[in-house]
PDB file of all heavy atoms in Angstrom:
ATOM      1  N   GLY A   1      21.390  16.099   8.450  1.00  0.00           N
ATOM      2  CA  GLY A   1      22.078  15.437   9.551  1.00  0.00           C
ATOM      3  C   GLY A   1      23.429  15.999   9.949  1.00  0.00           C
ATOM      4  O   GLY A   1      24.149  15.376  10.735  1.00  0.00           O
ATOM      5  N   GLN A   2      23.772  17.190   9.492  1.00  0.00           N
ATOM      6  CA  GLN A   2      25.062  17.798   9.863  1.00  0.00           C
ATOM      7  C   GLN A   2      24.829  18.726  11.066  1.00  0.00           C
ATOM      8  O   GLN A   2      24.710  19.937  10.928  1.00  0.00           O
ATOM      9  CB  GLN A   2      25.634  18.572   8.680  1.00  0.00           C
ATOM     10  CG  GLN A   2      25.916  17.697   7.473  1.00  0.00           C
ATOM     11  CD  GLN A   2      26.418  18.501   6.296  1.00  0.00           C
ATOM     12  OE1 GLN A   2      27.391  19.245   6.395  1.00  0.00           O
ATOM     13  NE2 GLN A   2      25.753  18.360   5.150  1.00  0.00           N
ATOM     14  N   TYR A   3      24.798  18.132  12.241  1.00  0.00           N
ATOM     15  CA  TYR A   3      24.392  18.861  13.436  1.00  0.00           C
ATOM     16  C   TYR A   3      25.489  19.773  13.995  1.00  0.00           C
ATOM     17  O   TYR A   3      25.199  20.687  14.772  1.00  0.00           O
ATOM     18  CB  TYR A   3      23.930  17.883  14.511  1.00  0.00           C
ATOM     19  CG  TYR A   3      22.752  17.052  14.050  1.00  0.00           C
ATOM     20  CD1 TYR A   3      22.884  15.687  13.847  1.00  0.00           C
ATOM     21  CD2 TYR A   3      21.524  17.653  13.787  1.00  0.00           C
ATOM     22  CE1 TYR A   3      21.807  14.927  13.407  1.00  0.00           C
ATOM     23  CE2 TYR A   3      20.454  16.907  13.348  1.00  0.00           C
ATOM     24  CZ  TYR A   3      20.602  15.542  13.160  1.00  0.00           C
ATOM     25  OH  TYR A   3      19.531  14.798  12.717  1.00  0.00           O
ATOM     26  N   ILE A   4      26.716  19.501  13.628  1.00  0.00           N
ATOM     27  CA  ILE A   4      27.851  20.333  14.051  1.00  0.00           C
ATOM     28  C   ILE A   4      28.509  20.912  12.806  1.00  0.00           C
ATOM     29  O   ILE A   4      28.910  20.167  11.906  1.00  0.00           O
ATOM     30  CB  ILE A   4      28.881  19.521  14.863  1.00  0.00           C
ATOM     31  CG1 ILE A   4      28.227  18.910  16.114  1.00  0.00           C
ATOM     32  CG2 ILE A   4      30.072  20.401  15.248  1.00  0.00           C
ATOM     33  CD1 ILE A   4      27.696  19.910  17.116  1.00  0.00           C
ATOM     34  N   MET A   5      28.588  22.238  12.755  1.00  0.00           N
ATOM     35  CA  MET A   5      29.212  22.958  11.637  1.00  0.00           C
ATOM     36  C   MET A   5      28.567  22.618  10.290  1.00  0.00           C
ATOM     37  O   MET A   5      29.228  22.536   9.257  1.00  0.00           O
ATOM     38  CB  MET A   5      30.722  22.700  11.596  1.00  0.00           C
ATOM     39  CG  MET A   5      31.463  23.147  12.852  1.00  0.00           C
ATOM     40  SD  MET A   5      31.224  24.890  13.285  1.00  0.00           S
ATOM     41  CE  MET A   5      32.135  25.687  11.953  1.00  0.00           C
ATOM     42  N   GLY A   6      27.241  22.429  10.305  1.00  0.00           N
ATOM     43  CA  GLY A   6      26.512  22.215   9.062  1.00  0.00           C
ATOM     44  C   GLY A   6      26.421  23.495   8.243  1.00  0.00           C
ATOM     45  O   GLY A   6      26.888  24.563   8.666  1.00  0.00           O
ATOM     46  N   PRO A   7      25.826  23.432   7.061  1.00  0.00           N
ATOM     47  CA  PRO A   7      25.817  24.587   6.158  1.00  0.00           C
ATOM     48  C   PRO A   7      25.101  25.808   6.721  1.00  0.00           C
ATOM     49  O   PRO A   7      25.404  26.939   6.332  1.00  0.00           O
ATOM     50  CB  PRO A   7      25.123  24.061   4.905  1.00  0.00           C
ATOM     51  CG  PRO A   7      24.369  22.845   5.348  1.00  0.00           C
ATOM     52  CD  PRO A   7      25.171  22.258   6.455  1.00  0.00           C
ATOM     53  N   GLU A   8      24.164  25.612   7.640  1.00  0.00           N
ATOM     54  CA  GLU A   8      23.458  26.749   8.231  1.00  0.00           C
ATOM     55  C   GLU A   8      24.381  27.638   9.060  1.00  0.00           C
ATOM     56  O   GLU A   8      24.093  28.826   9.257  1.00  0.00           O
ATOM     57  CB  GLU A   8      22.295  26.258   9.101  1.00  0.00           C
ATOM     58  CG  GLU A   8      21.099  25.749   8.323  1.00  0.00           C
ATOM     59  CD  GLU A   8      21.285  24.352   7.768  1.00  0.00           C
ATOM     60  OE1 GLU A   8      22.308  23.703   8.100  1.00  0.00           O
ATOM     61  OE2 GLU A   8      20.411  23.883   7.005  1.00  0.00           O
ATOM     62  N   VAL A   9      25.486  27.079   9.547  1.00  0.00           N
ATOM     63  CA  VAL A   9      26.429  27.882  10.335  1.00  0.00           C
ATOM     64  C   VAL A   9      27.031  28.982   9.470  1.00  0.00           C
ATOM     65  O   VAL A   9      26.994  30.174   9.804  1.00  0.00           O
ATOM     66  CB  VAL A   9      27.532  26.998  10.954  1.00  0.00           C
ATOM     67  CG1 VAL A   9      28.565  27.849  11.673  1.00  0.00           C
ATOM     68  CG2 VAL A   9      26.910  25.969  11.914  1.00  0.00           C
ATOM     69  N   ALA A  10      27.602  28.599   8.334  1.00  0.00           N
ATOM     70  CA  ALA A  10      28.199  29.587   7.429  1.00  0.00           C
ATOM     71  C   ALA A  10      27.142  30.536   6.872  1.00  0.00           C
ATOM     72  O   ALA A  10      27.398  31.740   6.706  1.00  0.00           O
ATOM     73  CB  ALA A  10      28.927  28.880   6.292  1.00  0.00           C
ATOM     74  N   GLU A  11      25.948  30.004   6.596  1.00  0.00           N
ATOM     75  CA  GLU A  11      24.869  30.859   6.081  1.00  0.00           C
ATOM     76  C   GLU A  11      24.493  31.935   7.099  1.00  0.00           C
ATOM     77  O   GLU A  11      24.324  33.119   6.751  1.00  0.00           O
ATOM     78  CB  GLU A  11      23.652  30.012   5.734  1.00  0.00           C
ATOM     79  CG  GLU A  11      22.508  30.818   5.134  1.00  0.00           C
ATOM     80  CD  GLU A  11      21.250  29.985   4.887  1.00  0.00           C
ATOM     81  OE1 GLU A  11      21.287  28.757   5.100  1.00  0.00           O
ATOM     82  OE2 GLU A  11      20.227  30.585   4.486  1.00  0.00           O
ATOM     83  N   LEU A  12      24.367  31.529   8.354  1.00  0.00           N
ATOM     84  CA  LEU A  12      24.016  32.487   9.394  1.00  0.00           C
ATOM     85  C   LEU A  12      25.136  33.510   9.602  1.00  0.00           C
ATOM     86  O   LEU A  12      24.871  34.708   9.751  1.00  0.00           O
ATOM     87  CB  LEU A  12      23.702  31.772  10.704  1.00  0.00           C
ATOM     88  CG  LEU A  12      23.349  32.690  11.883  1.00  0.00           C
ATOM     89  CD1 LEU A  12      22.099  33.516  11.580  1.00  0.00           C
ATOM     90  CD2 LEU A  12      23.162  31.886  13.166  1.00  0.00           C
ATOM     91  N   GLU A  13      26.368  33.046   9.606  1.00  0.00           N
ATOM     92  CA  GLU A  13      27.480  33.968   9.814  1.00  0.00           C
ATOM     93  C   GLU A  13      27.522  35.039   8.726  1.00  0.00           C
ATOM     94  O   GLU A  13      27.756  36.230   9.009  1.00  0.00           O
ATOM     95  CB  GLU A  13      28.795  33.196   9.873  1.00  0.00           C
ATOM     96  CG  GLU A  13      28.926  32.371  11.143  1.00  0.00           C
ATOM     97  CD  GLU A  13      30.177  31.518  11.196  1.00  0.00           C
ATOM     98  OE1 GLU A  13      30.824  31.324  10.140  1.00  0.00           O
ATOM     99  OE2 GLU A  13      30.514  31.025  12.290  1.00  0.00           O
ATOM    100  N   ALA A  14      27.277  34.656   7.499  1.00  0.00           N
ATOM    101  CA  ALA A  14      27.265  35.640   6.411  1.00  0.00           C
ATOM    102  C   ALA A  14      26.109  36.631   6.582  1.00  0.00           C
ATOM    103  O   ALA A  14      26.284  37.845   6.387  1.00  0.00           O
ATOM    104  CB  ALA A  14      27.152  34.927   5.068  1.00  0.00           C
ATOM    105  N   ALA A  15      24.945  36.131   6.957  1.00  0.00           N
ATOM    106  CA  ALA A  15      23.780  37.000   7.125  1.00  0.00           C
ATOM    107  C   ALA A  15      23.969  37.963   8.295  1.00  0.00           C
ATOM    108  O   ALA A  15      23.622  39.149   8.203  1.00  0.00           O
ATOM    109  CB  ALA A  15      22.526  36.155   7.335  1.00  0.00           C
ATOM    110  N   LEU A  16      24.527  37.481   9.397  1.00  0.00           N
ATOM    111  CA  LEU A  16      24.725  38.332  10.567  1.00  0.00           C
ATOM    112  C   LEU A  16      25.806  39.380  10.321  1.00  0.00           C
ATOM    113  O   LEU A  16      25.678  40.534  10.757  1.00  0.00           O
ATOM    114  CB  LEU A  16      25.096  37.475  11.783  1.00  0.00           C
ATOM    115  CG  LEU A  16      23.993  36.557  12.317  1.00  0.00           C
ATOM    116  CD1 LEU A  16      24.551  35.659  13.423  1.00  0.00           C
ATOM    117  CD2 LEU A  16      22.808  37.369  12.844  1.00  0.00           C
ATOM    118  N   ALA A  17      26.883  38.996   9.637  1.00  0.00           N
ATOM    119  CA  ALA A  17      27.934  39.963   9.318  1.00  0.00           C
ATOM    120  C   ALA A  17      27.383  41.082   8.443  1.00  0.00           C
ATOM    121  O   ALA A  17      27.680  42.269   8.653  1.00  0.00           O
ATOM    122  CB  ALA A  17      29.103  39.265   8.632  1.00  0.00           C
ATOM    123  N   ALA A  18      26.554  40.725   7.468  1.00  0.00           N
ATOM    124  CA  ALA A  18      25.945  41.732   6.608  1.00  0.00           C
ATOM    125  C   ALA A  18      25.027  42.646   7.408  1.00  0.00           C
ATOM    126  O   ALA A  18      25.010  43.872   7.209  1.00  0.00           O
ATOM    127  CB  ALA A  18      25.175  41.055   5.477  1.00  0.00           C
ATOM    128  N   PHE A  19      24.281  42.073   8.332  1.00  0.00           N
ATOM    129  CA  PHE A  19      23.367  42.866   9.158  1.00  0.00           C
ATOM    130  C   PHE A  19      24.134  43.835  10.050  1.00  0.00           C
ATOM    131  O   PHE A  19      23.762  45.010  10.169  1.00  0.00           O
ATOM    132  CB  PHE A  19      22.508  41.938  10.014  1.00  0.00           C
ATOM    133  CG  PHE A  19      21.499  42.651  10.864  1.00  0.00           C
ATOM    134  CD1 PHE A  19      20.232  42.934  10.369  1.00  0.00           C
ATOM    135  CD2 PHE A  19      21.812  43.046  12.152  1.00  0.00           C
ATOM    136  CE1 PHE A  19      19.302  43.608  11.147  1.00  0.00           C
ATOM    137  CE2 PHE A  19      20.889  43.727  12.938  1.00  0.00           C
ATOM    138  CZ  PHE A  19      19.626  44.000  12.437  1.00  0.00           C
ATOM    139  N   ALA A  20      25.193  43.349  10.691  1.00  0.00           N
ATOM    140  CA  ALA A  20      25.956  44.181  11.621  1.00  0.00           C
ATOM    141  C   ALA A  20      26.933  45.111  10.923  1.00  0.00           C
ATOM    142  O   ALA A  20      27.451  46.045  11.535  1.00  0.00           O
ATOM    143  CB  ALA A  20      26.708  43.294  12.620  1.00  0.00           C
ATOM    144  N   GLY A  21      27.210  44.846   9.644  1.00  0.00           N
ATOM    145  CA  GLY A  21      28.135  45.682   8.898  1.00  0.00           C
ATOM    146  C   GLY A  21      29.587  45.410   9.208  1.00  0.00           C
ATOM    147  O   GLY A  21      30.417  46.325   9.233  1.00  0.00           O
ATOM    148  N   THR A  22      29.927  44.135   9.444  1.00  0.00           N
ATOM    149  CA  THR A  22      31.303  43.761   9.748  1.00  0.00           C
ATOM    150  C   THR A  22      31.844  42.798   8.701  1.00  0.00           C
ATOM    151  O   THR A  22      31.081  42.142   7.984  1.00  0.00           O
ATOM    152  CB  THR A  22      31.406  43.093  11.133  1.00  0.00           C
ATOM    153  OG1 THR A  22      30.563  41.926  11.163  1.00  0.00           O
ATOM    154  CG2 THR A  22      30.967  44.057  12.233  1.00  0.00           C
ATOM    155  N   ARG A  23      33.157  42.684   8.653  1.00  0.00           N
ATOM    156  CA  ARG A  23      33.798  41.751   7.717  1.00  0.00           C
ATOM    157  C   ARG A  23      33.593  40.307   8.143  1.00  0.00           C
ATOM    158  O   ARG A  23      33.488  39.414   7.307  1.00  0.00           O
ATOM    159  CB  ARG A  23      35.301  42.052   7.621  1.00  0.00           C
ATOM    160  CG  ARG A  23      35.626  43.289   6.808  1.00  0.00           C
ATOM    161  CD  ARG A  23      37.111  43.621   6.919  1.00  0.00           C
ATOM    162  NE  ARG A  23      37.986  42.503   6.585  1.00  0.00           N
ATOM    163  CZ  ARG A  23      38.348  42.175   5.343  1.00  0.00           C
ATOM    164  NH1 ARG A  23      37.888  42.887   4.328  1.00  0.00           N
ATOM    165  NH2 ARG A  23      39.164  41.160   5.132  1.00  0.00           N
ATOM    166  N   HIS A  24      33.560  40.090   9.452  1.00  0.00           N
ATOM    167  CA  HIS A  24      33.537  38.713   9.952  1.00  0.00           C
ATOM    168  C   HIS A  24      32.462  38.546  11.023  1.00  0.00           C
ATOM    169  O   HIS A  24      32.237  39.429  11.845  1.00  0.00           O
ATOM    170  CB  HIS A  24      34.886  38.333  10.571  1.00  0.00           C
ATOM    171  CG  HIS A  24      36.046  38.473   9.653  1.00  0.00           C
ATOM    172  ND1 HIS A  24      36.329  37.556   8.665  1.00  0.00           N
ATOM    173  CD2 HIS A  24      37.000  39.446   9.554  1.00  0.00           C
ATOM    174  CE1 HIS A  24      37.410  37.939   8.012  1.00  0.00           C
ATOM    175  NE2 HIS A  24      37.836  39.074   8.523  1.00  0.00           N
ATOM    176  N   CYS A  25      31.834  37.386  11.024  1.00  0.00           N
ATOM    177  CA  CYS A  25      30.999  36.916  12.123  1.00  0.00           C
ATOM    178  C   CYS A  25      31.410  35.485  12.424  1.00  0.00           C
ATOM    179  O   CYS A  25      31.565  34.671  11.498  1.00  0.00           O
ATOM    180  CB  CYS A  25      29.518  36.972  11.775  1.00  0.00           C
ATOM    181  SG  CYS A  25      28.449  36.133  12.972  1.00  0.00           S
ATOM    182  N   ILE A  26      31.594  35.177  13.691  1.00  0.00           N
ATOM    183  CA  ILE A  26      31.965  33.831  14.119  1.00  0.00           C
ATOM    184  C   ILE A  26      30.923  33.384  15.134  1.00  0.00           C
ATOM    185  O   ILE A  26      30.846  33.934  16.243  1.00  0.00           O
ATOM    186  CB  ILE A  26      33.372  33.794  14.754  1.00  0.00           C
ATOM    187  CG1 ILE A  26      34.421  34.357  13.786  1.00  0.00           C
ATOM    188  CG2 ILE A  26      33.735  32.387  15.194  1.00  0.00           C
ATOM    189  CD1 ILE A  26      34.737  35.832  14.013  1.00  0.00           C
ATOM    190  N   THR A  27      30.074  32.433  14.786  1.00  0.00           N
ATOM    191  CA  THR A  27      29.090  31.937  15.736  1.00  0.00           C
ATOM    192  C   THR A  27      29.771  31.066  16.778  1.00  0.00           C
ATOM    193  O   THR A  27      30.729  30.345  16.485  1.00  0.00           O
ATOM    194  CB  THR A  27      27.983  31.138  15.036  1.00  0.00           C
ATOM    195  OG1 THR A  27      28.568  30.082  14.268  1.00  0.00           O
ATOM    196  CG2 THR A  27      27.149  32.033  14.146  1.00  0.00           C
ATOM    197  N   VAL A  28      29.248  31.129  18.007  1.00  0.00           N
ATOM    198  CA  VAL A  28      29.827  30.377  19.125  1.00  0.00           C
ATOM    199  C   VAL A  28      28.708  29.828  19.997  1.00  0.00           C
ATOM    200  O   VAL A  28      27.529  30.087  19.767  1.00  0.00           O
ATOM    201  CB  VAL A  28      30.780  31.264  19.955  1.00  0.00           C
ATOM    202  CG1 VAL A  28      31.994  31.681  19.138  1.00  0.00           C
ATOM    203  CG2 VAL A  28      30.080  32.502  20.494  1.00  0.00           C
ATOM    204  N   ALA A  29      29.094  29.077  21.012  1.00  0.00           N
ATOM    205  CA  ALA A  29      28.133  28.290  21.772  1.00  0.00           C
ATOM    206  C   ALA A  29      27.229  29.110  22.687  1.00  0.00           C
ATOM    207  O   ALA A  29      26.161  28.640  23.078  1.00  0.00           O
ATOM    208  CB  ALA A  29      28.872  27.236  22.599  1.00  0.00           C
ATOM    209  N   SER A  30      27.636  30.314  23.054  1.00  0.00           N
ATOM    210  CA  SER A  30      26.834  31.144  23.956  1.00  0.00           C
ATOM    211  C   SER A  30      27.415  32.547  23.983  1.00  0.00           C
ATOM    212  O   SER A  30      28.526  32.787  23.483  1.00  0.00           O
ATOM    213  CB  SER A  30      26.834  30.569  25.383  1.00  0.00           C
ATOM    214  OG  SER A  30      28.136  30.669  25.955  1.00  0.00           O
ATOM    215  N   GLY A  31      26.687  33.454  24.597  1.00  0.00           N
ATOM    216  CA  GLY A  31      27.226  34.793  24.781  1.00  0.00           C
ATOM    217  C   GLY A  31      28.447  34.797  25.683  1.00  0.00           C
ATOM    218  O   GLY A  31      29.381  35.584  25.484  1.00  0.00           O
ATOM    219  N   THR A  32      28.454  33.919  26.667  1.00  0.00           N
ATOM    220  CA  THR A  32      29.613  33.808  27.552  1.00  0.00           C
ATOM    221  C   THR A  32      30.834  33.324  26.779  1.00  0.00           C
ATOM    222  O   THR A  32      31.938  33.867  26.927  1.00  0.00           O
ATOM    223  CB  THR A  32      29.307  32.847  28.714  1.00  0.00           C
ATOM    224  OG1 THR A  32      28.132  33.292  29.392  1.00  0.00           O
ATOM    225  CG2 THR A  32      30.469  32.781  29.687  1.00  0.00           C
ATOM    226  N   GLU A  33      30.654  32.307  25.943  1.00  0.00           N
ATOM    227  CA  GLU A  33      31.763  31.839  25.109  1.00  0.00           C
ATOM    228  C   GLU A  33      32.250  32.940  24.172  1.00  0.00           C
ATOM    229  O   GLU A  33      33.446  33.032  23.875  1.00  0.00           O
ATOM    230  CB  GLU A  33      31.332  30.617  24.293  1.00  0.00           C
ATOM    231  CG  GLU A  33      31.153  29.350  25.093  1.00  0.00           C
ATOM    232  CD  GLU A  33      32.457  28.792  25.644  1.00  0.00           C
ATOM    233  OE1 GLU A  33      33.500  28.921  24.969  1.00  0.00           O
ATOM    234  OE2 GLU A  33      32.424  28.239  26.750  1.00  0.00           O
ATOM    235  N   ALA A  34      31.337  33.769  23.688  1.00  0.00           N
ATOM    236  CA  ALA A  34      31.745  34.868  22.816  1.00  0.00           C
ATOM    237  C   ALA A  34      32.715  35.798  23.537  1.00  0.00           C
ATOM    238  O   ALA A  34      33.756  36.189  22.981  1.00  0.00           O
ATOM    239  CB  ALA A  34      30.518  35.642  22.342  1.00  0.00           C
ATOM    240  N   LEU A  35      32.408  36.143  24.772  1.00  0.00           N
ATOM    241  CA  LEU A  35      33.308  37.008  25.544  1.00  0.00           C
ATOM    242  C   LEU A  35      34.633  36.311  25.830  1.00  0.00           C
ATOM    243  O   LEU A  35      35.708  36.910  25.690  1.00  0.00           O
ATOM    244  CB  LEU A  35      32.637  37.417  26.856  1.00  0.00           C
ATOM    245  CG  LEU A  35      31.395  38.292  26.753  1.00  0.00           C
ATOM    246  CD1 LEU A  35      30.784  38.500  28.128  1.00  0.00           C
ATOM    247  CD2 LEU A  35      31.731  39.632  26.113  1.00  0.00           C
ATOM    248  N   LEU A  36      34.555  35.060  26.237  1.00  0.00           N
ATOM    249  CA  LEU A  36      35.770  34.307  26.566  1.00  0.00           C
ATOM    250  C   LEU A  36      36.677  34.183  25.344  1.00  0.00           C
ATOM    251  O   LEU A  36      37.894  34.420  25.419  1.00  0.00           O
ATOM    252  CB  LEU A  36      35.400  32.926  27.099  1.00  0.00           C
ATOM    253  CG  LEU A  36      36.570  32.019  27.502  1.00  0.00           C
ATOM    254  CD1 LEU A  36      37.329  32.612  28.679  1.00  0.00           C
ATOM    255  CD2 LEU A  36      36.061  30.620  27.842  1.00  0.00           C
ATOM    256  N   ILE A  37      36.109  33.818  24.218  1.00  0.00           N
ATOM    257  CA  ILE A  37      36.902  33.636  22.998  1.00  0.00           C
ATOM    258  C   ILE A  37      37.476  34.968  22.529  1.00  0.00           C
ATOM    259  O   ILE A  37      38.630  35.032  22.063  1.00  0.00           O
ATOM    260  CB  ILE A  37      36.062  32.957  21.911  1.00  0.00           C
ATOM    261  CG1 ILE A  37      35.760  31.506  22.317  1.00  0.00           C
ATOM    262  CG2 ILE A  37      36.765  32.988  20.554  1.00  0.00           C
ATOM    263  CD1 ILE A  37      34.751  30.803  21.431  1.00  0.00           C
ATOM    264  N   ALA A  38      36.725  36.042  22.662  1.00  0.00           N
ATOM    265  CA  ALA A  38      37.250  37.360  22.294  1.00  0.00           C
ATOM    266  C   ALA A  38      38.461  37.719  23.138  1.00  0.00           C
ATOM    267  O   ALA A  38      39.484  38.204  22.620  1.00  0.00           O
ATOM    268  CB  ALA A  38      36.161  38.417  22.446  1.00  0.00           C
ATOM    269  N   LEU A  39      38.370  37.488  24.424  1.00  0.00           N
ATOM    270  CA  LEU A  39      39.500  37.772  25.318  1.00  0.00           C
ATOM    271  C   LEU A  39      40.703  36.895  24.970  1.00  0.00           C
ATOM    272  O   LEU A  39      41.848  37.371  24.942  1.00  0.00           O
ATOM    273  CB  LEU A  39      39.085  37.564  26.768  1.00  0.00           C
ATOM    274  CG  LEU A  39      38.112  38.591  27.354  1.00  0.00           C
ATOM    275  CD1 LEU A  39      37.503  38.067  28.650  1.00  0.00           C
ATOM    276  CD2 LEU A  39      38.814  39.922  27.607  1.00  0.00           C
ATOM    277  N   MET A  40      40.445  35.623  24.705  1.00  0.00           N
ATOM    278  CA  MET A  40      41.538  34.719  24.344  1.00  0.00           C
ATOM    279  C   MET A  40      42.183  35.126  23.031  1.00  0.00           C
ATOM    280  O   MET A  40      43.413  35.122  22.893  1.00  0.00           O
ATOM    281  CB  MET A  40      41.018  33.280  24.270  1.00  0.00           C
ATOM    282  CG  MET A  40      40.574  32.714  25.604  1.00  0.00           C
ATOM    283  SD  MET A  40      39.805  31.068  25.454  1.00  0.00           S
ATOM    284  CE  MET A  40      41.226  30.053  25.021  1.00  0.00           C
ATOM    285  N   ALA A  41      41.353  35.478  22.043  1.00  0.00           N
ATOM    286  CA  ALA A  41      41.890  35.893  20.745  1.00  0.00           C
ATOM    287  C   ALA A  41      42.735  37.152  20.866  1.00  0.00           C
ATOM    288  O   ALA A  41      43.702  37.342  20.117  1.00  0.00           O
ATOM    289  CB  ALA A  41      40.744  36.120  19.764  1.00  0.00           C
ATOM    290  N   ALA A  42      42.378  38.009  21.831  1.00  0.00           N
ATOM    291  CA  ALA A  42      43.125  39.241  22.055  1.00  0.00           C
ATOM    292  C   ALA A  42      44.375  39.032  22.904  1.00  0.00           C
ATOM    293  O   ALA A  42      45.113  39.986  23.157  1.00  0.00           O
ATOM    294  CB  ALA A  42      42.217  40.276  22.717  1.00  0.00           C
ATOM    295  N   GLY A  43      44.583  37.799  23.349  1.00  0.00           N
ATOM    296  CA  GLY A  43      45.785  37.493  24.123  1.00  0.00           C
ATOM    297  C   GLY A  43      45.723  37.887  25.581  1.00  0.00           C
ATOM    298  O   GLY A  43      46.758  37.997  26.243  1.00  0.00           O
ATOM    299  N   ILE A  44      44.532  38.083  26.112  1.00  0.00           N
ATOM    300  CA  ILE A  44      44.399  38.461  27.517  1.00  0.00           C
ATOM    301  C   ILE A  44      44.735  37.261  28.393  1.00  0.00           C
ATOM    302  O   ILE A  44      44.251  36.143  28.175  1.00  0.00           O
ATOM    303  CB  ILE A  44      42.968  38.949  27.815  1.00  0.00           C
ATOM    304  CG1 ILE A  44      42.594  40.102  26.888  1.00  0.00           C
ATOM    305  CG2 ILE A  44      42.838  39.363  29.277  1.00  0.00           C
ATOM    306  CD1 ILE A  44      43.493  41.305  26.950  1.00  0.00           C
ATOM    307  N   GLY A  45      45.567  37.502  29.411  1.00  0.00           N
ATOM    308  CA  GLY A  45      46.009  36.404  30.268  1.00  0.00           C
ATOM    309  C   GLY A  45      46.288  36.851  31.684  1.00  0.00           C
ATOM    310  O   GLY A  45      45.896  37.958  32.095  1.00  0.00           O
ATOM    311  N   PRO A  46      46.954  36.015  32.463  1.00  0.00           N
ATOM    312  CA  PRO A  46      47.189  36.298  33.881  1.00  0.00           C
ATOM    313  C   PRO A  46      47.831  37.658  34.127  1.00  0.00           C
ATOM    314  O   PRO A  46      48.810  38.027  33.477  1.00  0.00           O
ATOM    315  CB  PRO A  46      48.120  35.162  34.298  1.00  0.00           C
ATOM    316  CG  PRO A  46      47.767  34.037  33.377  1.00  0.00           C
ATOM    317  CD  PRO A  46      47.473  34.692  32.061  1.00  0.00           C
ATOM    318  N   GLY A  47      47.235  38.393  35.065  1.00  0.00           N
ATOM    319  CA  GLY A  47      47.769  39.690  35.457  1.00  0.00           C
ATOM    320  C   GLY A  47      47.317  40.858  34.610  1.00  0.00           C
ATOM    321  O   GLY A  47      47.469  42.017  35.018  1.00  0.00           O
TER     322      GLY A  47
END
């Protein structure tokens, strides 16, 4: 019954990071959110 941030989230992130060969994987709500969050994390803003 842990529908949000249940144990499968961390399990999947570890499996995907290992597959892609990266230190970190962060699952998100969609591919669009992935791009948006990446831009935000990088500090991209007006102009």
